[in-house]
Amino acid sequence: GVSLCRRIRDESTVPVIMLSARADSIDVVLGLEAGADDYV
């Protein structure tokens, strides 16, 4: 999902929400740094 978010962000500013089974800081930060706008 993080790599997919980066690919989407390379092509578009469409909003992205990441979904994670863990509230791990690494998951959250990696997703946001990849260009996600929010996470659940």
Full PDB file with SEQRES, HELIX, SHEET, SSBOND, CRYST1, ORIGX, SCALE, CONECT and MASTER records, all heavy atoms in Angstrom:
SEQRES   1 A   40  GLY VAL SER LEU CYS ARG ARG ILE ARG ASP GLU SER THR          
SEQRES   2 A   40  VAL PRO VAL ILE MET LEU SER ALA ARG ALA ASP SER ILE          
SEQRES   3 A   40  ASP VAL VAL LEU GLY LEU GLU ALA GLY ALA ASP ASP TYR          
SEQRES   4 A   40  VAL                                                          
HELIX    1 AA1 VAL A    2  GLU A   11  1                                  10    
HELIX    2 AA2 SER A   25  GLU A   33  1                                   9    
SHEET    1 AA1 2 ILE A  17  MET A  18  0                                        
SHEET    2 AA1 2 ASP A  38  TYR A  39  1                                        
CRYST1    1.000    1.000    1.000  90.00  90.00  90.00 P 1           1          
ORIGX1      1.000000  0.000000  0.000000        0.00000                         
ORIGX2      0.000000  1.000000  0.000000        0.00000                         
ORIGX3      0.000000  0.000000  1.000000        0.00000                         
SCALE1      1.000000  0.000000  0.000000        0.00000                         
SCALE2      0.000000  1.000000  0.000000        0.00000                         
SCALE3      0.000000  0.000000  1.000000        0.00000                         
ATOM      1  N   GLY A   1       0.788  -1.221   0.000  1.00  0.00           N  
ATOM      2  CA  GLY A   1       0.000   0.000   0.000  1.00  0.00           C  
ATOM      3  C   GLY A   1       0.822   1.275   0.000  1.00  0.00           C  
ATOM      4  O   GLY A   1       0.460   2.260  -0.648  1.00  0.00           O  
ATOM      5  N   VAL A   2       1.942   1.280   0.724  1.00  0.00           N  
ATOM      6  CA  VAL A   2       2.795   2.476   0.762  1.00  0.00           C  
ATOM      7  C   VAL A   2       3.400   2.740  -0.621  1.00  0.00           C  
ATOM      8  O   VAL A   2       3.410   3.879  -1.102  1.00  0.00           O  
ATOM      9  CB  VAL A   2       3.898   2.319   1.822  1.00  0.00           C  
ATOM     10  CG1 VAL A   2       4.885   3.477   1.748  1.00  0.00           C  
ATOM     11  CG2 VAL A   2       3.282   2.244   3.223  1.00  0.00           C  
ATOM     12  N   SER A   3       3.896   1.679  -1.278  1.00  0.00           N  
ATOM     13  CA  SER A   3       4.461   1.841  -2.617  1.00  0.00           C  
ATOM     14  C   SER A   3       3.391   2.261  -3.615  1.00  0.00           C  
ATOM     15  O   SER A   3       3.643   3.088  -4.497  1.00  0.00           O  
ATOM     16  CB  SER A   3       5.119   0.536  -3.073  1.00  0.00           C  
ATOM     17  OG  SER A   3       6.180   0.177  -2.212  1.00  0.00           O  
ATOM     18  N   LEU A   4       2.188   1.699  -3.473  1.00  0.00           N  
ATOM     19  CA  LEU A   4       1.087   2.087  -4.351  1.00  0.00           C  
ATOM     20  C   LEU A   4       0.732   3.552  -4.151  1.00  0.00           C  
ATOM     21  O   LEU A   4       0.469   4.275  -5.125  1.00  0.00           O  
ATOM     22  CB  LEU A   4      -0.126   1.202  -4.082  1.00  0.00           C  
ATOM     23  CG  LEU A   4      -1.409   1.536  -4.841  1.00  0.00           C  
ATOM     24  CD1 LEU A   4      -1.169   1.555  -6.347  1.00  0.00           C  
ATOM     25  CD2 LEU A   4      -2.515   0.547  -4.483  1.00  0.00           C  
ATOM     26  N   CYS A   5       0.738   3.992  -2.906  1.00  0.00           N  
ATOM     27  CA  CYS A   5       0.455   5.403  -2.630  1.00  0.00           C  
ATOM     28  C   CYS A   5       1.474   6.296  -3.329  1.00  0.00           C  
ATOM     29  O   CYS A   5       1.121   7.319  -3.929  1.00  0.00           O  
ATOM     30  CB  CYS A   5       0.459   5.653  -1.123  1.00  0.00           C  
ATOM     31  SG  CYS A   5       0.099   7.357  -0.663  1.00  0.00           S  
ATOM     32  N   ARG A   6       2.755   5.909  -3.271  1.00  0.00           N  
ATOM     33  CA  ARG A   6       3.789   6.710  -3.942  1.00  0.00           C  
ATOM     34  C   ARG A   6       3.549   6.764  -5.448  1.00  0.00           C  
ATOM     35  O   ARG A   6       3.721   7.820  -6.080  1.00  0.00           O  
ATOM     36  CB  ARG A   6       5.175   6.121  -3.663  1.00  0.00           C  
ATOM     37  CG  ARG A   6       5.665   6.293  -2.239  1.00  0.00           C  
ATOM     38  CD  ARG A   6       7.153   6.032  -2.152  1.00  0.00           C  
ATOM     39  NE  ARG A   6       7.625   6.120  -0.775  1.00  0.00           N  
ATOM     40  CZ  ARG A   6       7.823   5.073   0.006  1.00  0.00           C  
ATOM     41  NH1 ARG A   6       7.609   3.837  -0.453  1.00  0.00           N  
ATOM     42  NH2 ARG A   6       8.242   5.237   1.247  1.00  0.00           N  
ATOM     43  N   ARG A   7       3.163   5.629  -6.034  1.00  0.00           N  
ATOM     44  CA  ARG A   7       2.915   5.586  -7.478  1.00  0.00           C  
ATOM     45  C   ARG A   7       1.730   6.489  -7.845  1.00  0.00           C  
ATOM     46  O   ARG A   7       1.753   7.209  -8.853  1.00  0.00           O  
ATOM     47  CB  ARG A   7       2.648   4.143  -7.922  1.00  0.00           C  
ATOM     48  CG  ARG A   7       3.817   3.193  -7.689  1.00  0.00           C  
ATOM     49  CD  ARG A   7       4.905   3.355  -8.724  1.00  0.00           C  
ATOM     50  NE  ARG A   7       4.516   2.761  -9.994  1.00  0.00           N  
ATOM     51  CZ  ARG A   7       4.687   1.479 -10.308  1.00  0.00           C  
ATOM     52  NH1 ARG A   7       5.222   0.628  -9.414  1.00  0.00           N  
ATOM     53  NH2 ARG A   7       4.326   1.028 -11.492  1.00  0.00           N  
ATOM     54  N   ILE A   8       0.685   6.437  -7.027  1.00  0.00           N  
ATOM     55  CA  ILE A   8      -0.476   7.296  -7.267  1.00  0.00           C  
ATOM     56  C   ILE A   8      -0.095   8.758  -7.130  1.00  0.00           C  
ATOM     57  O   ILE A   8      -0.461   9.603  -7.956  1.00  0.00           O  
ATOM     58  CB  ILE A   8      -1.620   6.935  -6.295  1.00  0.00           C  
ATOM     59  CG1 ILE A   8      -2.219   5.580  -6.669  1.00  0.00           C  
ATOM     60  CG2 ILE A   8      -2.712   8.013  -6.297  1.00  0.00           C  
ATOM     61  CD1 ILE A   8      -3.268   5.073  -5.698  1.00  0.00           C  
ATOM     62  N   ARG A   9       0.688   9.051  -6.096  1.00  0.00           N  
ATOM     63  CA  ARG A   9       1.061  10.445  -5.862  1.00  0.00           C  
ATOM     64  C   ARG A   9       1.971  10.988  -6.964  1.00  0.00           C  
ATOM     65  O   ARG A   9       1.968  12.192  -7.247  1.00  0.00           O  
ATOM     66  CB  ARG A   9       1.735  10.563  -4.487  1.00  0.00           C  
ATOM     67  CG  ARG A   9       1.882  11.972  -3.960  1.00  0.00           C  
ATOM     68  CD  ARG A   9       0.571  12.749  -3.947  1.00  0.00           C  
ATOM     69  NE  ARG A   9      -0.343  12.376  -2.893  1.00  0.00           N  
ATOM     70  CZ  ARG A   9      -1.625  12.114  -3.094  1.00  0.00           C  
ATOM     71  NH1 ARG A   9      -2.149  12.153  -4.300  1.00  0.00           N  
ATOM     72  NH2 ARG A   9      -2.411  11.802  -2.089  1.00  0.00           N  
ATOM     73  N   ASP A  10       2.729  10.123  -7.623  1.00  0.00           N  
ATOM     74  CA  ASP A  10       3.548  10.557  -8.761  1.00  0.00           C  
ATOM     75  C   ASP A  10       2.688  11.023  -9.928  1.00  0.00           C  
ATOM     76  O   ASP A  10       3.150  11.804 -10.768  1.00  0.00           O  
ATOM     77  CB  ASP A  10       4.453   9.409  -9.243  1.00  0.00           C  
ATOM     78  CG  ASP A  10       5.619   9.139  -8.302  1.00  0.00           C  
ATOM     79  OD1 ASP A  10       5.937  10.028  -7.493  1.00  0.00           O  
ATOM     80  OD2 ASP A  10       6.195   8.038  -8.390  1.00  0.00           O  
ATOM     81  N   GLU A  11       1.437  10.544  -9.976  1.00  0.00           N  
ATOM     82  CA  GLU A  11       0.578  10.810 -11.125  1.00  0.00           C  
ATOM     83  C   GLU A  11      -0.602  11.716 -10.816  1.00  0.00           C  
ATOM     84  O   GLU A  11      -1.230  12.247 -11.734  1.00  0.00           O  
ATOM     85  CB  GLU A  11       0.029   9.486 -11.681  1.00  0.00           C  
ATOM     86  CG  GLU A  11       1.100   8.487 -12.085  1.00  0.00           C  
ATOM     87  CD  GLU A  11       0.521   7.156 -12.526  1.00  0.00           C  
ATOM     88  OE1 GLU A  11      -0.698   7.105 -12.813  1.00  0.00           O  
ATOM     89  OE2 GLU A  11       1.285   6.171 -12.597  1.00  0.00           O  
ATOM     90  N   SER A  12      -0.932  11.879  -9.537  1.00  0.00           N  
ATOM     91  CA  SER A  12      -2.186  12.543  -9.207  1.00  0.00           C  
ATOM     92  C   SER A  12      -2.156  13.108  -7.795  1.00  0.00           C  
ATOM     93  O   SER A  12      -1.386  12.656  -6.947  1.00  0.00           O  
ATOM     94  CB  SER A  12      -3.341  11.533  -9.326  1.00  0.00           C  
ATOM     95  OG  SER A  12      -4.553  12.057  -8.852  1.00  0.00           O  
ATOM     96  N   THR A  13      -3.022  14.099  -7.557  1.00  0.00           N  
ATOM     97  CA  THR A  13      -3.211  14.632  -6.211  1.00  0.00           C  
ATOM     98  C   THR A  13      -4.498  14.098  -5.582  1.00  0.00           C  
ATOM     99  O   THR A  13      -4.981  14.642  -4.595  1.00  0.00           O  
ATOM    100  CB  THR A  13      -3.262  16.172  -6.221  1.00  0.00           C  
ATOM    101  OG1 THR A  13      -4.348  16.609  -7.057  1.00  0.00           O  
ATOM    102  CG2 THR A  13      -1.955  16.752  -6.721  1.00  0.00           C  
ATOM    103  N   VAL A  14      -5.059  13.029  -6.169  1.00  0.00           N  
ATOM    104  CA  VAL A  14      -6.280  12.436  -5.622  1.00  0.00           C  
ATOM    105  C   VAL A  14      -6.068  12.091  -4.147  1.00  0.00           C  
ATOM    106  O   VAL A  14      -4.991  11.642  -3.755  1.00  0.00           O  
ATOM    107  CB  VAL A  14      -6.663  11.174  -6.428  1.00  0.00           C  
ATOM    108  CG1 VAL A  14      -5.646  10.068  -6.228  1.00  0.00           C  
ATOM    109  CG2 VAL A  14      -8.054  10.680  -6.051  1.00  0.00           C  
ATOM    110  N   PRO A  15      -7.062  12.334  -3.294  1.00  0.00           N  
ATOM    111  CA  PRO A  15      -6.889  12.024  -1.870  1.00  0.00           C  
ATOM    112  C   PRO A  15      -6.689  10.535  -1.624  1.00  0.00           C  
ATOM    113  O   PRO A  15      -7.306   9.690  -2.284  1.00  0.00           O  
ATOM    114  CB  PRO A  15      -8.177  12.529  -1.218  1.00  0.00           C  
ATOM    115  CG  PRO A  15      -9.153  12.663  -2.331  1.00  0.00           C  
ATOM    116  CD  PRO A  15      -8.367  12.972  -3.552  1.00  0.00           C  
ATOM    117  N   VAL A  16      -5.829  10.215  -0.659  1.00  0.00           N  
ATOM    118  CA  VAL A  16      -5.510   8.832  -0.307  1.00  0.00           C  
ATOM    119  C   VAL A  16      -5.641   8.650   1.198  1.00  0.00           C  
ATOM    120  O   VAL A  16      -5.113   9.451   1.977  1.00  0.00           O  
ATOM    121  CB  VAL A  16      -4.081   8.456  -0.743  1.00  0.00           C  
ATOM    122  CG1 VAL A  16      -3.725   7.053  -0.255  1.00  0.00           C  
ATOM    123  CG2 VAL A  16      -3.931   8.550  -2.265  1.00  0.00           C  
ATOM    124  N   ILE A  17      -6.355   7.613   1.597  1.00  0.00           N  
ATOM    125  CA  ILE A  17      -6.435   7.212   3.004  1.00  0.00           C  
ATOM    126  C   ILE A  17      -5.804   5.840   3.131  1.00  0.00           C  
ATOM    127  O   ILE A  17      -6.174   4.911   2.408  1.00  0.00           O  
ATOM    128  CB  ILE A  17      -7.894   7.163   3.508  1.00  0.00           C  
ATOM    129  CG1 ILE A  17      -8.530   8.553   3.466  1.00  0.00           C  
ATOM    130  CG2 ILE A  17      -7.942   6.617   4.940  1.00  0.00           C  
ATOM    131  CD1 ILE A  17      -9.989   8.570   3.898  1.00  0.00           C  
ATOM    132  N   MET A  18      -4.834   5.696   4.025  1.00  0.00           N  
ATOM    133  CA  MET A  18      -4.200   4.409   4.270  1.00  0.00           C  
ATOM    134  C   MET A  18      -4.959   3.661   5.355  1.00  0.00           C  
ATOM    135  O   MET A  18      -5.451   4.257   6.318  1.00  0.00           O  
ATOM    136  CB  MET A  18      -2.747   4.602   4.715  1.00  0.00           C  
ATOM    137  CG  MET A  18      -1.857   5.363   3.738  1.00  0.00           C  
ATOM    138  SD  MET A  18      -1.666   4.560   2.135  1.00  0.00           S  
ATOM    139  CE  MET A  18      -0.882   3.013   2.621  1.00  0.00           C  
ATOM    140  N   LEU A  19      -5.037   2.347   5.205  1.00  0.00           N  
ATOM    141  CA  LEU A  19      -5.659   1.469   6.194  1.00  0.00           C  
ATOM    142  C   LEU A  19      -4.591   0.533   6.731  1.00  0.00           C  
ATOM    143  O   LEU A  19      -3.842  -0.066   5.958  1.00  0.00           O  
ATOM    144  CB  LEU A  19      -6.790   0.659   5.561  1.00  0.00           C  
ATOM    145  CG  LEU A  19      -7.880   1.451   4.835  1.00  0.00           C  
ATOM    146  CD1 LEU A  19      -8.861   0.501   4.171  1.00  0.00           C  
ATOM    147  CD2 LEU A  19      -8.606   2.375   5.793  1.00  0.00           C  
ATOM    148  N   SER A  20      -4.507   0.424   8.055  1.00  0.00           N  
ATOM    149  CA  SER A  20      -3.484  -0.415   8.656  1.00  0.00           C  
ATOM    150  C   SER A  20      -4.066  -1.223   9.798  1.00  0.00           C  
ATOM    151  O   SER A  20      -4.882  -0.718  10.571  1.00  0.00           O  
ATOM    152  CB  SER A  20      -2.324   0.444   9.173  1.00  0.00           C  
ATOM    153  OG  SER A  20      -1.411  -0.350   9.897  1.00  0.00           O  
ATOM    154  N   ALA A  21      -3.640  -2.482   9.900  1.00  0.00           N  
ATOM    155  CA  ALA A  21      -4.091  -3.341  10.998  1.00  0.00           C  
ATOM    156  C   ALA A  21      -3.387  -2.985  12.294  1.00  0.00           C  
ATOM    157  O   ALA A  21      -3.749  -3.468  13.348  1.00  0.00           O  
ATOM    158  CB  ALA A  21      -3.853  -4.805  10.659  1.00  0.00           C  
ATOM    159  N   ARG A  22      -2.362  -2.169  12.213  1.00  0.00           N  
ATOM    160  CA  ARG A  22      -1.619  -1.770  13.399  1.00  0.00           C  
ATOM    161  C   ARG A  22      -1.578  -0.258  13.502  1.00  0.00           C  
ATOM    162  O   ARG A  22      -1.585   0.436  12.493  1.00  0.00           O  
ATOM    163  CB  ARG A  22      -0.182  -2.296  13.333  1.00  0.00           C  
ATOM    164  CG  ARG A  22      -0.078  -3.802  13.244  1.00  0.00           C  
ATOM    165  CD  ARG A  22       1.381  -4.205  13.146  1.00  0.00           C  
ATOM    166  NE  ARG A  22       2.000  -3.692  11.933  1.00  0.00           N  
ATOM    167  CZ  ARG A  22       3.308  -3.746  11.683  1.00  0.00           C  
ATOM    168  NH1 ARG A  22       4.121  -4.257  12.577  1.00  0.00           N  
ATOM    169  NH2 ARG A  22       3.799  -3.286  10.552  1.00  0.00           N  
ATOM    170  N   ALA A  23      -1.551   0.246  14.716  1.00  0.00           N  
ATOM    171  CA  ALA A  23      -1.403   1.675  14.933  1.00  0.00           C  
ATOM    172  C   ALA A  23       0.073   2.013  15.093  1.00  0.00           C  
ATOM    173  O   ALA A  23       0.437   2.993  15.718  1.00  0.00           O  
ATOM    174  CB  ALA A  23      -2.189   2.114  16.170  1.00  0.00           C  
ATOM    175  N   ASP A  24       0.909   1.151  14.539  1.00  0.00           N  
ATOM    176  CA  ASP A  24       2.358   1.300  14.628  1.00  0.00           C  
ATOM    177  C   ASP A  24       2.798   2.638  14.057  1.00  0.00           C  
ATOM    178  O   ASP A  24       2.346   3.041  12.996  1.00  0.00           O  
ATOM    179  CB  ASP A  24       3.012   0.183  13.805  1.00  0.00           C  
ATOM    180  CG  ASP A  24       4.088  -0.523  14.582  1.00  0.00           C  
ATOM    181  OD1 ASP A  24       4.142  -0.312  15.789  1.00  0.00           O  
ATOM    182  OD2 ASP A  24       4.850  -1.277  13.966  1.00  0.00           O  
ATOM    183  N   SER A  25       3.696   3.314  14.733  1.00  0.00           N  
ATOM    184  CA  SER A  25       4.205   4.585  14.242  1.00  0.00           C  
ATOM    185  C   SER A  25       4.840   4.439  12.874  1.00  0.00           C  
ATOM    186  O   SER A  25       4.704   5.303  12.010  1.00  0.00           O  
ATOM    187  CB  SER A  25       5.231   5.166  15.227  1.00  0.00           C  
ATOM    188  OG  SER A  25       4.632   5.520  16.443  1.00  0.00           O  
ATOM    189  N   ILE A  26       5.534   3.303  12.657  1.00  0.00           N  
ATOM    190  CA  ILE A  26       6.212   3.110  11.374  1.00  0.00           C  
ATOM    191  C   ILE A  26       5.192   3.036  10.248  1.00  0.00           C  
ATOM    192  O   ILE A  26       5.347   3.691   9.215  1.00  0.00           O  
ATOM    193  CB  ILE A  26       7.071   1.832  11.409  1.00  0.00           C  
ATOM    194  CG1 ILE A  26       8.220   2.002  12.392  1.00  0.00           C  
ATOM    195  CG2 ILE A  26       7.602   1.511  10.016  1.00  0.00           C  
ATOM    196  CD1 ILE A  26       9.088   0.766  12.549  1.00  0.00           C  
ATOM    197  N   ASP A  27       4.121   2.255  10.425  1.00  0.00           N  
ATOM    198  CA  ASP A  27       3.086   2.158   9.403  1.00  0.00           C  
ATOM    199  C   ASP A  27       2.471   3.521   9.112  1.00  0.00           C  
ATOM    200  O   ASP A  27       2.288   3.913   7.956  1.00  0.00           O  
ATOM    201  CB  ASP A  27       1.969   1.216   9.857  1.00  0.00           C  
ATOM    202  CG  ASP A  27       2.352  -0.251   9.703  1.00  0.00           C  
ATOM    203  OD1 ASP A  27       3.390  -0.517   9.067  1.00  0.00           O  
ATOM    204  OD2 ASP A  27       1.630  -1.110  10.220  1.00  0.00           O  
ATOM    205  N   VAL A  28       2.118   4.237  10.167  1.00  0.00           N  
ATOM    206  CA  VAL A  28       1.458   5.528  10.019  1.00  0.00           C  
ATOM    207  C   VAL A  28       2.367   6.519   9.296  1.00  0.00           C  
ATOM    208  O   VAL A  28       1.978   7.151   8.309  1.00  0.00           O  
ATOM    209  CB  VAL A  28       1.046   6.084  11.394  1.00  0.00           C  
ATOM    210  CG1 VAL A  28       0.549   7.516  11.263  1.00  0.00           C  
ATOM    211  CG2 VAL A  28      -0.018   5.206  12.031  1.00  0.00           C  
ATOM    212  N   VAL A  29       3.588   6.668   9.780  1.00  0.00           N  
ATOM    213  CA  VAL A  29       4.509   7.658   9.221  1.00  0.00           C  
ATOM    214  C   VAL A  29       4.890   7.312   7.792  1.00  0.00           C  
ATOM    215  O   VAL A  29       4.937   8.195   6.923  1.00  0.00           O  
ATOM    216  CB  VAL A  29       5.759   7.790  10.114  1.00  0.00           C  
ATOM    217  CG1 VAL A  29       6.800   8.671   9.439  1.00  0.00           C  
ATOM    218  CG2 VAL A  29       5.377   8.376  11.475  1.00  0.00           C  
ATOM    219  N   LEU A  30       5.155   6.035   7.506  1.00  0.00           N  
ATOM    220  CA  LEU A  30       5.517   5.650   6.141  1.00  0.00           C  
ATOM    221  C   LEU A  30       4.391   5.980   5.167  1.00  0.00           C  
ATOM    222  O   LEU A  30       4.637   6.482   4.068  1.00  0.00           O  
ATOM    223  CB  LEU A  30       5.848   4.158   6.078  1.00  0.00           C  
ATOM    224  CG  LEU A  30       7.208   3.728   6.625  1.00  0.00           C  
ATOM    225  CD1 LEU A  30       7.348   2.204   6.548  1.00  0.00           C  
ATOM    226  CD2 LEU A  30       8.347   4.396   5.858  1.00  0.00           C  
ATOM    227  N   GLY A  31       3.161   5.695   5.567  1.00  0.00           N  
ATOM    228  CA  GLY A  31       2.029   5.998   4.701  1.00  0.00           C  
ATOM    229  C   GLY A  31       1.877   7.488   4.455  1.00  0.00           C  
ATOM    230  O   GLY A  31       1.668   7.931   3.327  1.00  0.00           O  
ATOM    231  N   LEU A  32       2.000   8.280   5.499  1.00  0.00           N  
ATOM    232  CA  LEU A  32       1.862   9.732   5.356  1.00  0.00           C  
ATOM    233  C   LEU A  32       3.017  10.320   4.562  1.00  0.00           C  
ATOM    234  O   LEU A  32       2.827  11.210   3.729  1.00  0.00           O  
ATOM    235  CB  LEU A  32       1.770  10.388   6.735  1.00  0.00           C  
ATOM    236  CG  LEU A  32       0.531  10.034   7.560  1.00  0.00           C  
ATOM    237  CD1 LEU A  32       0.648  10.586   8.963  1.00  0.00           C  
ATOM    238  CD2 LEU A  32      -0.738  10.540   6.888  1.00  0.00           C  
ATOM    239  N   GLU A  33       4.222   9.816   4.803  1.00  0.00           N  
ATOM    240  CA  GLU A  33       5.374  10.318   4.056  1.00  0.00           C  
ATOM    241  C   GLU A  33       5.283   9.959   2.578  1.00  0.00           C  
ATOM    242  O   GLU A  33       5.845  10.655   1.725  1.00  0.00           O  
ATOM    243  CB  GLU A  33       6.668   9.770   4.652  1.00  0.00           C  
ATOM    244  CG  GLU A  33       7.050  10.407   5.983  1.00  0.00           C  
ATOM    245  CD  GLU A  33       8.349   9.868   6.536  1.00  0.00           C  
ATOM    246  OE1 GLU A  33       8.799   8.794   6.078  1.00  0.00           O  
ATOM    247  OE2 GLU A  33       8.912  10.520   7.434  1.00  0.00           O  
ATOM    248  N   ALA A  34       4.583   8.869   2.266  1.00  0.00           N  
ATOM    249  CA  ALA A  34       4.403   8.475   0.870  1.00  0.00           C  
ATOM    250  C   ALA A  34       3.416   9.380   0.147  1.00  0.00           C  
ATOM    251  O   ALA A  34       3.297   9.307  -1.068  1.00  0.00           O  
ATOM    252  CB  ALA A  34       3.930   7.025   0.794  1.00  0.00           C  
ATOM    253  N   GLY A  35       2.703  10.209   0.902  1.00  0.00           N  
ATOM    254  CA  GLY A  35       1.777  11.145   0.284  1.00  0.00           C  
ATOM    255  C   GLY A  35       0.328  10.961   0.675  1.00  0.00           C  
ATOM    256  O   GLY A  35      -0.544  11.650   0.152  1.00  0.00           O  
ATOM    257  N   ALA A  36       0.046  10.040   1.613  1.00  0.00           N  
ATOM    258  CA  ALA A  36      -1.330   9.847   2.056  1.00  0.00           C  
ATOM    259  C   ALA A  36      -1.813  11.077   2.821  1.00  0.00           C  
ATOM    260  O   ALA A  36      -1.032  11.788   3.453  1.00  0.00           O  
ATOM    261  CB  ALA A  36      -1.441   8.611   2.939  1.00  0.00           C  
ATOM    262  N   ASP A  37      -3.110  11.311   2.752  1.00  0.00           N  
ATOM    263  CA  ASP A  37      -3.700  12.471   3.423  1.00  0.00           C  
ATOM    264  C   ASP A  37      -4.216  12.141   4.818  1.00  0.00           C  
ATOM    265  O   ASP A  37      -4.342  13.030   5.654  1.00  0.00           O  
ATOM    266  CB  ASP A  37      -4.852  13.020   2.572  1.00  0.00           C  
ATOM    267  CG  ASP A  37      -4.374  13.469   1.206  1.00  0.00           C  
ATOM    268  OD1 ASP A  37      -3.811  14.569   1.119  1.00  0.00           O  
ATOM    269  OD2 ASP A  37      -4.529  12.708   0.235  1.00  0.00           O  
ATOM    270  N   ASP A  38      -4.495  10.870   5.059  1.00  0.00           N  
ATOM    271  CA  ASP A  38      -5.017  10.456   6.357  1.00  0.00           C  
ATOM    272  C   ASP A  38      -4.831   8.946   6.472  1.00  0.00           C  
ATOM    273  O   ASP A  38      -4.424   8.289   5.513  1.00  0.00           O  
ATOM    274  CB  ASP A  38      -6.496  10.820   6.479  1.00  0.00           C  
ATOM    275  CG  ASP A  38      -6.971  10.925   7.926  1.00  0.00           C  
ATOM    276  OD1 ASP A  38      -6.196  10.578   8.835  1.00  0.00           O  
ATOM    277  OD2 ASP A  38      -8.123  11.344   8.133  1.00  0.00           O  
ATOM    278  N   TYR A  39      -5.116   8.406   7.641  1.00  0.00           N  
ATOM    279  CA  TYR A  39      -5.050   6.963   7.823  1.00  0.00           C  
ATOM    280  C   TYR A  39      -6.116   6.528   8.820  1.00  0.00           C  
ATOM    281  O   TYR A  39      -6.568   7.315   9.666  1.00  0.00           O  
ATOM    282  CB  TYR A  39      -3.667   6.514   8.293  1.00  0.00           C  
ATOM    283  CG  TYR A  39      -3.449   6.670   9.784  1.00  0.00           C  
ATOM    284  CD1 TYR A  39      -3.640   5.596  10.645  1.00  0.00           C  
ATOM    285  CD2 TYR A  39      -3.083   7.894  10.333  1.00  0.00           C  
ATOM    286  CE1 TYR A  39      -3.471   5.727  12.008  1.00  0.00           C  
ATOM    287  CE2 TYR A  39      -2.914   8.043  11.689  1.00  0.00           C  
ATOM    288  CZ  TYR A  39      -3.102   6.962  12.531  1.00  0.00           C  
ATOM    289  OH  TYR A  39      -2.952   7.119  13.876  1.00  0.00           O  
ATOM    290  N   VAL A  40      -6.532   5.263   8.704  1.00  0.00           N  
ATOM    291  CA  VAL A  40      -7.513   4.675   9.613  1.00  0.00           C  
ATOM    292  C   VAL A  40      -6.969   3.322  10.055  1.00  0.00           C  
ATOM    293  O   VAL A  40      -6.473   2.543   9.237  1.00  0.00           O  
ATOM    294  CB  VAL A  40      -8.887   4.487   8.925  1.00  0.00           C  
ATOM    295  CG1 VAL A  40      -9.859   3.766   9.857  1.00  0.00           C  
ATOM    296  CG2 VAL A  40      -9.458   5.829   8.497  1.00  0.00           C  
TER     297      VAL A  40                                                      
MASTER        0    0    0    2    2    0    0    6  296    1    0    4          
END                                                                             
